[in-house]
N, C-alpha and C. Protein backbone atom coordinates (compact mmCIF):
# COMPACT_ATOMS: atom_id res chain seq x y z
N UNK A 1 0.68 9.83 -9.35
CA UNK A 1 -0.53 9.38 -9.97
C UNK A 1 -1.49 10.58 -10.03
N UNK A 2 -2.08 10.81 -11.19
CA UNK A 2 -2.99 11.93 -11.41
C UNK A 2 -4.27 11.45 -12.09
N UNK A 3 -5.36 12.05 -11.69
CA UNK A 3 -6.64 11.78 -12.34
C UNK A 3 -6.71 12.63 -13.60
N UNK A 4 -7.18 12.03 -14.70
CA UNK A 4 -7.38 12.78 -15.94
C UNK A 4 -8.79 12.53 -16.45
N UNK A 5 -9.26 13.48 -17.22
CA UNK A 5 -10.57 13.37 -17.87
C UNK A 5 -10.32 13.40 -19.36
N UNK A 6 -10.89 12.45 -20.08
CA UNK A 6 -10.70 12.40 -21.53
C UNK A 6 -12.07 12.42 -22.21
N UNK A 7 -12.16 13.21 -23.27
CA UNK A 7 -13.43 13.34 -23.98
C UNK A 7 -13.16 13.75 -25.42
N UNK A 8 -14.10 13.45 -26.34
CA UNK A 8 -13.92 13.84 -27.73
C UNK A 8 -14.04 15.35 -27.88
N UNK A 9 -13.11 15.95 -28.61
CA UNK A 9 -13.16 17.38 -28.87
C UNK A 9 -14.10 17.70 -30.01
N UNK A 10 -14.15 18.97 -30.37
CA UNK A 10 -15.03 19.39 -31.45
C UNK A 10 -14.50 18.96 -32.82
N UNK A 11 -13.20 18.68 -32.88
CA UNK A 11 -12.63 18.18 -34.13
C UNK A 11 -12.44 16.67 -33.99
N UNK A 12 -11.53 16.09 -34.72
CA UNK A 12 -11.33 14.63 -34.66
C UNK A 12 -10.39 14.21 -33.53
N UNK A 13 -9.97 15.14 -32.69
CA UNK A 13 -9.03 14.85 -31.62
C UNK A 13 -9.73 14.53 -30.30
N UNK A 14 -9.02 13.79 -29.45
CA UNK A 14 -9.45 13.55 -28.07
C UNK A 14 -8.77 14.57 -27.19
N UNK A 15 -9.52 15.15 -26.28
CA UNK A 15 -9.00 16.15 -25.34
C UNK A 15 -8.85 15.47 -23.99
N UNK A 16 -7.76 15.79 -23.30
CA UNK A 16 -7.53 15.20 -21.97
C UNK A 16 -7.02 16.29 -21.03
N UNK A 17 -7.61 16.33 -19.83
CA UNK A 17 -7.29 17.36 -18.84
C UNK A 17 -6.88 16.70 -17.53
N UNK A 18 -6.07 17.41 -16.77
CA UNK A 18 -5.70 16.99 -15.42
C UNK A 18 -6.25 18.03 -14.46
N UNK A 19 -7.42 17.77 -13.85
CA UNK A 19 -8.09 18.78 -13.02
C UNK A 19 -7.26 19.30 -11.84
N UNK A 20 -6.38 18.48 -11.29
CA UNK A 20 -5.61 18.92 -10.12
C UNK A 20 -4.47 19.87 -10.50
N UNK A 21 -4.19 20.00 -11.80
CA UNK A 21 -3.16 20.92 -12.29
C UNK A 21 -3.84 21.90 -13.25
N UNK A 22 -4.30 23.04 -12.75
CA UNK A 22 -5.06 23.99 -13.57
C UNK A 22 -4.34 24.35 -14.88
N UNK A 23 -5.07 24.20 -15.99
CA UNK A 23 -4.51 24.55 -17.29
C UNK A 23 -3.71 23.44 -17.94
N UNK A 24 -3.57 22.31 -17.28
CA UNK A 24 -2.81 21.18 -17.84
C UNK A 24 -3.75 20.37 -18.73
N UNK A 25 -3.69 20.65 -20.03
CA UNK A 25 -4.59 20.06 -21.02
C UNK A 25 -3.75 19.62 -22.22
N UNK A 26 -4.14 18.51 -22.82
CA UNK A 26 -3.47 18.06 -24.04
C UNK A 26 -4.51 17.41 -24.94
N UNK A 27 -4.05 16.85 -26.04
CA UNK A 27 -4.96 16.19 -26.98
C UNK A 27 -4.19 15.18 -27.81
N UNK A 28 -4.91 14.38 -28.56
CA UNK A 28 -4.30 13.41 -29.45
C UNK A 28 -5.34 12.91 -30.44
N UNK A 29 -4.87 12.33 -31.53
CA UNK A 29 -5.78 11.81 -32.55
C UNK A 29 -6.50 10.56 -32.06
N UNK A 30 -5.87 9.82 -31.14
CA UNK A 30 -6.48 8.64 -30.53
C UNK A 30 -6.46 8.82 -29.02
N UNK A 31 -7.25 8.01 -28.31
CA UNK A 31 -7.22 8.07 -26.84
C UNK A 31 -5.82 7.76 -26.33
N UNK A 32 -5.19 6.77 -26.94
CA UNK A 32 -3.85 6.36 -26.50
C UNK A 32 -2.85 7.50 -26.67
N UNK A 33 -2.91 8.18 -27.80
CA UNK A 33 -2.01 9.31 -28.05
C UNK A 33 -2.29 10.45 -27.07
N UNK A 34 -3.57 10.71 -26.80
CA UNK A 34 -3.94 11.77 -25.87
C UNK A 34 -3.40 11.46 -24.48
N UNK A 35 -3.50 10.22 -24.04
CA UNK A 35 -3.00 9.83 -22.72
C UNK A 35 -1.48 9.95 -22.67
N UNK A 36 -0.81 9.53 -23.73
CA UNK A 36 0.65 9.68 -23.80
C UNK A 36 1.02 11.16 -23.70
N UNK A 37 0.29 12.01 -24.40
CA UNK A 37 0.59 13.44 -24.41
C UNK A 37 0.33 14.10 -23.05
N UNK A 38 -0.75 13.68 -22.34
CA UNK A 38 -1.02 14.30 -21.05
C UNK A 38 0.02 13.86 -20.02
N UNK A 39 0.53 12.65 -20.14
CA UNK A 39 1.60 12.23 -19.23
C UNK A 39 2.81 13.16 -19.37
N UNK A 40 3.16 13.47 -20.60
CA UNK A 40 4.28 14.39 -20.85
C UNK A 40 3.95 15.79 -20.32
N UNK A 41 2.72 16.24 -20.55
CA UNK A 41 2.31 17.57 -20.08
C UNK A 41 2.35 17.65 -18.55
N UNK A 42 1.90 16.60 -17.87
CA UNK A 42 1.92 16.56 -16.41
C UNK A 42 3.36 16.62 -15.91
N UNK A 43 4.23 15.82 -16.51
CA UNK A 43 5.65 15.83 -16.11
C UNK A 43 6.27 17.22 -16.28
N UNK A 44 6.00 17.87 -17.40
CA UNK A 44 6.54 19.21 -17.66
C UNK A 44 5.97 20.23 -16.68
N UNK A 45 4.68 20.14 -16.39
CA UNK A 45 4.00 21.05 -15.48
C UNK A 45 4.63 20.95 -14.08
N UNK A 46 4.75 19.72 -13.58
CA UNK A 46 5.32 19.50 -12.25
C UNK A 46 6.77 19.95 -12.21
N UNK A 47 7.53 19.64 -13.24
CA UNK A 47 8.93 20.04 -13.31
C UNK A 47 9.07 21.56 -13.26
N UNK A 48 8.22 22.27 -13.99
CA UNK A 48 8.26 23.74 -14.00
C UNK A 48 7.95 24.30 -12.62
N UNK A 49 6.97 23.73 -11.93
CA UNK A 49 6.66 24.18 -10.57
C UNK A 49 7.85 23.97 -9.65
N UNK A 50 8.45 22.80 -9.73
CA UNK A 50 9.60 22.48 -8.88
C UNK A 50 10.78 23.40 -9.17
N UNK A 51 11.03 23.69 -10.45
CA UNK A 51 12.12 24.60 -10.81
C UNK A 51 11.91 25.99 -10.24
N UNK A 52 10.66 26.41 -10.15
CA UNK A 52 10.32 27.74 -9.62
C UNK A 52 10.09 27.73 -8.11
N UNK A 53 10.38 26.58 -7.48
CA UNK A 53 10.18 26.42 -6.03
C UNK A 53 8.74 26.72 -5.61
N UNK A 54 7.80 26.32 -6.44
CA UNK A 54 6.38 26.49 -6.14
C UNK A 54 5.80 25.14 -5.69
N UNK A 55 4.78 25.16 -4.86
CA UNK A 55 4.21 23.89 -4.40
C UNK A 55 3.49 23.15 -5.53
N UNK A 56 3.63 21.84 -5.51
CA UNK A 56 2.93 21.00 -6.48
C UNK A 56 1.61 20.59 -5.86
N UNK A 57 0.48 20.93 -6.50
CA UNK A 57 -0.82 20.56 -5.93
C UNK A 57 -0.94 19.05 -5.72
N UNK A 58 -1.53 18.68 -4.59
CA UNK A 58 -1.77 17.26 -4.34
C UNK A 58 -2.96 16.79 -5.16
N UNK A 59 -2.94 15.51 -5.48
CA UNK A 59 -4.06 14.91 -6.21
C UNK A 59 -5.15 14.55 -5.21
N UNK A 60 -6.38 14.82 -5.57
CA UNK A 60 -7.53 14.43 -4.75
C UNK A 60 -8.51 13.71 -5.65
N UNK A 61 -8.62 12.40 -5.46
CA UNK A 61 -9.53 11.62 -6.28
C UNK A 61 -10.94 11.65 -5.71
N UNK A 62 -11.87 12.09 -6.51
CA UNK A 62 -13.29 11.99 -6.16
C UNK A 62 -14.05 12.01 -7.47
N UNK A 63 -14.73 10.93 -7.73
CA UNK A 63 -15.44 10.79 -8.99
C UNK A 63 -16.91 10.55 -8.71
N UNK A 64 -17.75 11.23 -9.44
CA UNK A 64 -19.20 11.03 -9.33
C UNK A 64 -19.78 10.93 -10.73
N UNK A 65 -20.76 10.10 -10.86
CA UNK A 65 -21.49 10.00 -12.11
C UNK A 65 -22.91 10.49 -11.82
N UNK A 66 -23.38 11.42 -12.63
CA UNK A 66 -24.70 11.99 -12.44
C UNK A 66 -25.58 11.57 -13.61
N UNK A 67 -26.68 10.97 -13.31
CA UNK A 67 -27.62 10.57 -14.35
C UNK A 67 -28.69 11.64 -14.46
N UNK A 68 -28.91 12.11 -15.68
CA UNK A 68 -29.90 13.16 -15.90
C UNK A 68 -31.01 12.62 -16.79
């Protein structure tokens, strides 16, 4: 299970990031497509780390909402 952040990009696409996996970012034309794409990106990222015998970062959930 991984925390992701999804937000509208500068174009018509939705951008989605996985903060616990640096550089693991994807996008999609819809939120649903973006989420589907980040799931694939996360799986590929973790698989690549495992193939290289590198540690897989643990997920740390902490969410805050700041009102300005």
